[in-house]
Amino acid sequence: MTPIDFSDPRVLAIAAVGLVVVILLTLIVRKGRPIAHGDVFRASRLSAGNRLFPTQVQITPAAVVRYTPHWFGHIAHSIHIAHVSSVRINTRLMFSDVFIETSGGSSPVACHGHRKSDAEAMKRLIEQYQSAYYKQPPAVSLATHSPGADN
């Protein structure tokens, strides 16, 4: 067995290509990991538009966040839970699309390529958090009920 000659340009070229491939794969894996702990739903890499960097949807008691990573940076679209007017699920053969409509009247936030069970869980969580949000007692403004004020 002969030792590898690192002064050979072909060996250096193969090593450089290998290093670039490892760096790109590491970047793709890192950008595809969940954005936070909790209820995060990631689209399937098998669906269109999600091959390298799958879109993720995080649902919290306060907001719904759609997070789409890119080679450089990301796009995050956040909607307060009180501004979600409806959640529509379009189920296809393999994957489901989730459309989150806002009360502001703009076009719905579209999330493509989720499993059917994930899409239903997303809708259930949003409805659950909205119910909890609207069951809270209204906040009392200190300016209108200050002590010693004459009405």
C-alpha atoms as a PDB file:
ATOM      1  CA  MET A   1       0.000   0.000   0.000  1.00  0.00           C
ATOM      2  CA  THR A   2       1.423   3.369  -1.040  1.00  0.00           C
ATOM      3  CA  PRO A   3       1.100   6.431   1.171  1.00  0.00           C
ATOM      4  CA  ILE A   4      -1.070   9.340  -0.002  1.00  0.00           C
ATOM      5  CA  ASP A   5       0.998  12.034  -1.651  1.00  0.00           C
ATOM      6  CA  PHE A   6      -0.476  15.355  -0.477  1.00  0.00           C
ATOM      7  CA  SER A   7       1.721  17.300  -2.884  1.00  0.00           C
ATOM      8  CA  ASP A   8      -0.195  15.801  -5.821  1.00  0.00           C
ATOM      9  CA  PRO A   9      -2.692  18.403  -7.182  1.00  0.00           C
ATOM     10  CA  ARG A  10      -5.347  15.719  -7.769  1.00  0.00           C
ATOM     11  CA  VAL A  11      -5.253  14.670  -4.114  1.00  0.00           C
ATOM     12  CA  LEU A  12      -5.516  18.308  -3.021  1.00  0.00           C
ATOM     13  CA  ALA A  13      -8.460  18.884  -5.390  1.00  0.00           C
ATOM     14  CA  ILE A  14     -10.294  15.794  -4.087  1.00  0.00           C
ATOM     15  CA  ALA A  15      -9.640  16.865  -0.491  1.00  0.00           C
ATOM     16  CA  ALA A  16     -10.922  20.397  -1.217  1.00  0.00           C
ATOM     17  CA  VAL A  17     -14.095  19.084  -2.873  1.00  0.00           C
ATOM     18  CA  GLY A  18     -14.643  16.719   0.046  1.00  0.00           C
ATOM     19  CA  LEU A  19     -14.244  19.580   2.528  1.00  0.00           C
ATOM     20  CA  VAL A  20     -16.731  21.746   0.626  1.00  0.00           C
ATOM     21  CA  VAL A  21     -19.267  18.879   0.554  1.00  0.00           C
ATOM     22  CA  VAL A  22     -18.878  18.323   4.309  1.00  0.00           C
ATOM     23  CA  ILE A  23     -19.328  22.056   4.997  1.00  0.00           C
ATOM     24  CA  LEU A  24     -22.465  22.237   2.805  1.00  0.00           C
ATOM     25  CA  LEU A  25     -24.000  19.129   4.401  1.00  0.00           C
ATOM     26  CA  THR A  26     -23.286  20.515   7.874  1.00  0.00           C
ATOM     27  CA  LEU A  27     -24.947  23.808   6.925  1.00  0.00           C
ATOM     28  CA  ILE A  28     -28.015  22.034   5.504  1.00  0.00           C
ATOM     29  CA  VAL A  29     -28.405  19.872   8.615  1.00  0.00           C
ATOM     30  CA  ARG A  30     -27.948  22.839  10.983  1.00  0.00           C
ATOM     31  CA  LYS A  31     -30.484  25.001   9.130  1.00  0.00           C
ATOM     32  CA  GLY A  32     -32.991  22.131   9.183  1.00  0.00           C
ATOM     33  CA  ARG A  33     -32.953  21.527  12.933  1.00  0.00           C
ATOM     34  CA  PRO A  34     -35.906  22.756  15.044  1.00  0.00           C
ATOM     35  CA  ILE A  35     -35.817  26.492  15.739  1.00  0.00           C
ATOM     36  CA  ALA A  36     -36.905  26.186  19.378  1.00  0.00           C
ATOM     37  CA  HIS A  37     -38.149  23.781  21.993  1.00  0.00           C
ATOM     38  CA  GLY A  38     -41.846  23.131  22.284  1.00  0.00           C
ATOM     39  CA  ASP A  39     -44.424  22.852  19.541  1.00  0.00           C
ATOM     40  CA  VAL A  40     -42.428  23.141  16.320  1.00  0.00           C
ATOM     41  CA  PHE A  41     -43.694  21.441  13.172  1.00  0.00           C
ATOM     42  CA  ARG A  42     -41.231  20.915  10.330  1.00  0.00           C
ATOM     43  CA  ALA A  43     -42.284  20.304   6.743  1.00  0.00           C
ATOM     44  CA  SER A  44     -41.076  17.136   5.066  1.00  0.00           C
ATOM     45  CA  ARG A  45     -37.922  17.335   2.969  1.00  0.00           C
ATOM     46  CA  LEU A  46     -39.766  15.196   0.412  1.00  0.00           C
ATOM     47  CA  SER A  47     -42.255  17.987  -0.341  1.00  0.00           C
ATOM     48  CA  ALA A  48     -41.699  20.635  -2.988  1.00  0.00           C
ATOM     49  CA  GLY A  49     -39.874  23.739  -1.790  1.00  0.00           C
ATOM     50  CA  ASN A  50     -38.567  22.061   1.361  1.00  0.00           C
ATOM     51  CA  ARG A  51     -35.788  19.843   0.003  1.00  0.00           C
ATOM     52  CA  LEU A  52     -32.788  21.646   1.482  1.00  0.00           C
ATOM     53  CA  PHE A  53     -34.269  23.912   4.126  1.00  0.00           C
ATOM     54  CA  PRO A  54     -37.703  22.796   5.345  1.00  0.00           C
ATOM     55  CA  THR A  55     -40.110  25.427   6.583  1.00  0.00           C
ATOM     56  CA  GLN A  56     -40.968  25.223  10.275  1.00  0.00           C
ATOM     57  CA  VAL A  57     -44.003  26.461  12.188  1.00  0.00           C
ATOM     58  CA  GLN A  58     -43.721  27.230  15.881  1.00  0.00           C
ATOM     59  CA  ILE A  59     -46.943  27.580  17.855  1.00  0.00           C
ATOM     60  CA  THR A  60     -46.840  29.200  21.280  1.00  0.00           C
ATOM     61  CA  PRO A  61     -49.592  30.560  23.552  1.00  0.00           C
ATOM     62  CA  ALA A  62     -48.768  34.050  22.248  1.00  0.00           C
ATOM     63  CA  ALA A  63     -47.974  33.644  18.538  1.00  0.00           C
ATOM     64  CA  VAL A  64     -47.673  31.504  15.434  1.00  0.00           C
ATOM     65  CA  VAL A  65     -44.281  31.818  13.726  1.00  0.00           C
ATOM     66  CA  ARG A  66     -43.468  30.521  10.242  1.00  0.00           C
ATOM     67  CA  TYR A  67     -39.691  30.190   9.886  1.00  0.00           C
ATOM     68  CA  THR A  68     -38.088  29.578   6.484  1.00  0.00           C
ATOM     69  CA  PRO A  69     -34.286  29.244   6.463  1.00  0.00           C
ATOM     70  CA  HIS A  70     -32.195  30.212   3.421  1.00  0.00           C
ATOM     71  CA  TRP A  71     -28.534  29.862   2.483  1.00  0.00           C
ATOM     72  CA  PHE A  72     -27.889  33.255   4.040  1.00  0.00           C
ATOM     73  CA  GLY A  73     -30.338  34.230   6.760  1.00  0.00           C
ATOM     74  CA  HIS A  74     -34.000  33.309   7.114  1.00  0.00           C
ATOM     75  CA  ILE A  75     -37.526  34.670   6.864  1.00  0.00           C
ATOM     76  CA  ALA A  76     -39.703  34.634   9.980  1.00  0.00           C
ATOM     77  CA  HIS A  77     -43.372  35.621   9.847  1.00  0.00           C
ATOM     78  CA  SER A  78     -45.047  36.022  13.234  1.00  0.00           C
ATOM     79  CA  ILE A  79     -48.769  36.362  13.890  1.00  0.00           C
ATOM     80  CA  HIS A  80     -50.185  37.096  17.342  1.00  0.00           C
ATOM     81  CA  ILE A  81     -52.593  34.369  18.410  1.00  0.00           C
ATOM     82  CA  ALA A  82     -55.439  36.914  18.703  1.00  0.00           C
ATOM     83  CA  HIS A  83     -54.984  37.909  15.039  1.00  0.00           C
ATOM     84  CA  VAL A  84     -55.446  34.410  13.625  1.00  0.00           C
ATOM     85  CA  SER A  85     -58.933  34.336  12.136  1.00  0.00           C
ATOM     86  CA  SER A  86     -58.982  30.818  10.700  1.00  0.00           C
ATOM     87  CA  VAL A  87     -56.859  27.761   9.981  1.00  0.00           C
ATOM     88  CA  ARG A  88     -57.551  25.765   6.832  1.00  0.00           C
ATOM     89  CA  ILE A  89     -56.012  22.381   6.039  1.00  0.00           C
ATOM     90  CA  ASN A  90     -55.769  21.096   2.475  1.00  0.00           C
ATOM     91  CA  THR A  91     -54.914  17.387   2.581  1.00  0.00           C
ATOM     92  CA  ARG A  92     -53.301  15.805  -0.472  1.00  0.00           C
ATOM     93  CA  LEU A  93     -52.146  12.261  -1.168  1.00  0.00           C
ATOM     94  CA  MET A  94     -48.952  12.398   0.922  1.00  0.00           C
ATOM     95  CA  PHE A  95     -48.760  15.797   2.584  1.00  0.00           C
ATOM     96  CA  SER A  96     -51.046  18.548   3.847  1.00  0.00           C
ATOM     97  CA  ASP A  97     -50.955  22.286   3.321  1.00  0.00           C
ATOM     98  CA  VAL A  98     -51.936  24.581   6.197  1.00  0.00           C
ATOM     99  CA  PHE A  99     -53.264  28.074   5.516  1.00  0.00           C
ATOM    100  CA  ILE A 100     -53.398  30.463   8.476  1.00  0.00           C
ATOM    101  CA  GLU A 101     -55.586  33.470   7.767  1.00  0.00           C
ATOM    102  CA  THR A 102     -55.261  36.666   9.746  1.00  0.00           C
ATOM    103  CA  SER A 103     -57.847  39.191  10.824  1.00  0.00           C
ATOM    104  CA  GLY A 104     -55.835  41.892   9.047  1.00  0.00           C
ATOM    105  CA  GLY A 105     -57.131  40.802   5.667  1.00  0.00           C
ATOM    106  CA  SER A 106     -53.784  40.071   4.070  1.00  0.00           C
ATOM    107  CA  SER A 107     -53.171  36.877   2.145  1.00  0.00           C
ATOM    108  CA  PRO A 108     -53.007  33.752   4.326  1.00  0.00           C
ATOM    109  CA  VAL A 109     -49.735  32.351   5.582  1.00  0.00           C
ATOM    110  CA  ALA A 110     -49.199  29.125   3.639  1.00  0.00           C
ATOM    111  CA  CYS A 111     -47.265  26.198   5.086  1.00  0.00           C
ATOM    112  CA  HIS A 112     -46.736  23.367   2.588  1.00  0.00           C
ATOM    113  CA  GLY A 113     -45.569  19.781   3.034  1.00  0.00           C
ATOM    114  CA  HIS A 114     -46.661  18.836   6.555  1.00  0.00           C
ATOM    115  CA  ARG A 115     -47.882  15.403   7.589  1.00  0.00           C
ATOM    116  CA  LYS A 116     -51.639  15.190   8.082  1.00  0.00           C
ATOM    117  CA  SER A 117     -51.247  14.517  11.810  1.00  0.00           C
ATOM    118  CA  ASP A 118     -48.970  17.562  12.176  1.00  0.00           C
ATOM    119  CA  ALA A 119     -51.432  19.770  10.279  1.00  0.00           C
ATOM    120  CA  GLU A 120     -54.285  18.682  12.533  1.00  0.00           C
ATOM    121  CA  ALA A 121     -52.133  19.197  15.636  1.00  0.00           C
ATOM    122  CA  MET A 122     -51.243  22.703  14.440  1.00  0.00           C
ATOM    123  CA  LYS A 123     -54.917  23.597  14.013  1.00  0.00           C
ATOM    124  CA  ARG A 124     -55.835  22.077  17.382  1.00  0.00           C
ATOM    125  CA  LEU A 125     -53.050  23.975  19.194  1.00  0.00           C
ATOM    126  CA  ILE A 126     -53.971  27.297  17.613  1.00  0.00           C
ATOM    127  CA  GLU A 127     -57.611  26.842  18.583  1.00  0.00           C
ATOM    128  CA  GLN A 128     -56.609  25.756  22.104  1.00  0.00           C
ATOM    129  CA  TYR A 129     -54.345  28.789  22.610  1.00  0.00           C
ATOM    130  CA  GLN A 130     -56.997  31.127  21.198  1.00  0.00           C
ATOM    131  CA  SER A 131     -59.598  29.747  23.607  1.00  0.00           C
ATOM    132  CA  ALA A 132     -57.219  30.228  26.524  1.00  0.00           C
ATOM    133  CA  TYR A 133     -56.369  33.758  25.332  1.00  0.00           C
ATOM    134  CA  TYR A 134     -59.996  34.859  25.165  1.00  0.00           C
ATOM    135  CA  LYS A 135     -60.885  33.281  28.515  1.00  0.00           C
ATOM    136  CA  GLN A 136     -58.433  35.570  30.329  1.00  0.00           C
ATOM    137  CA  PRO A 137     -60.027  38.438  32.249  1.00  0.00           C
ATOM    138  CA  PRO A 138     -59.531  41.789  30.548  1.00  0.00           C
ATOM    139  CA  ALA A 139     -56.605  43.846  31.769  1.00  0.00           C
ATOM    140  CA  VAL A 140     -57.561  46.846  33.909  1.00  0.00           C
ATOM    141  CA  SER A 141     -56.016  50.095  32.802  1.00  0.00           C
ATOM    142  CA  LEU A 142     -54.302  51.953  35.642  1.00  0.00           C
ATOM    143  CA  ALA A 143     -54.848  55.322  33.981  1.00  0.00           C
ATOM    144  CA  THR A 144     -58.645  55.111  34.210  1.00  0.00           C
ATOM    145  CA  HIS A 145     -58.775  53.669  37.722  1.00  0.00           C
ATOM    146  CA  SER A 146     -56.091  55.601  39.557  1.00  0.00           C
ATOM    147  CA  PRO A 147     -56.635  56.013  43.302  1.00  0.00           C
ATOM    148  CA  GLY A 148     -57.914  59.410  44.368  1.00  0.00           C
ATOM    149  CA  ALA A 149     -59.184  60.378  40.937  1.00  0.00           C
ATOM    150  CA  ASP A 150     -62.522  62.140  40.905  1.00  0.00           C
ATOM    151  CA  ASN A 151     -64.950  60.884  38.298  1.00  0.00           C
END
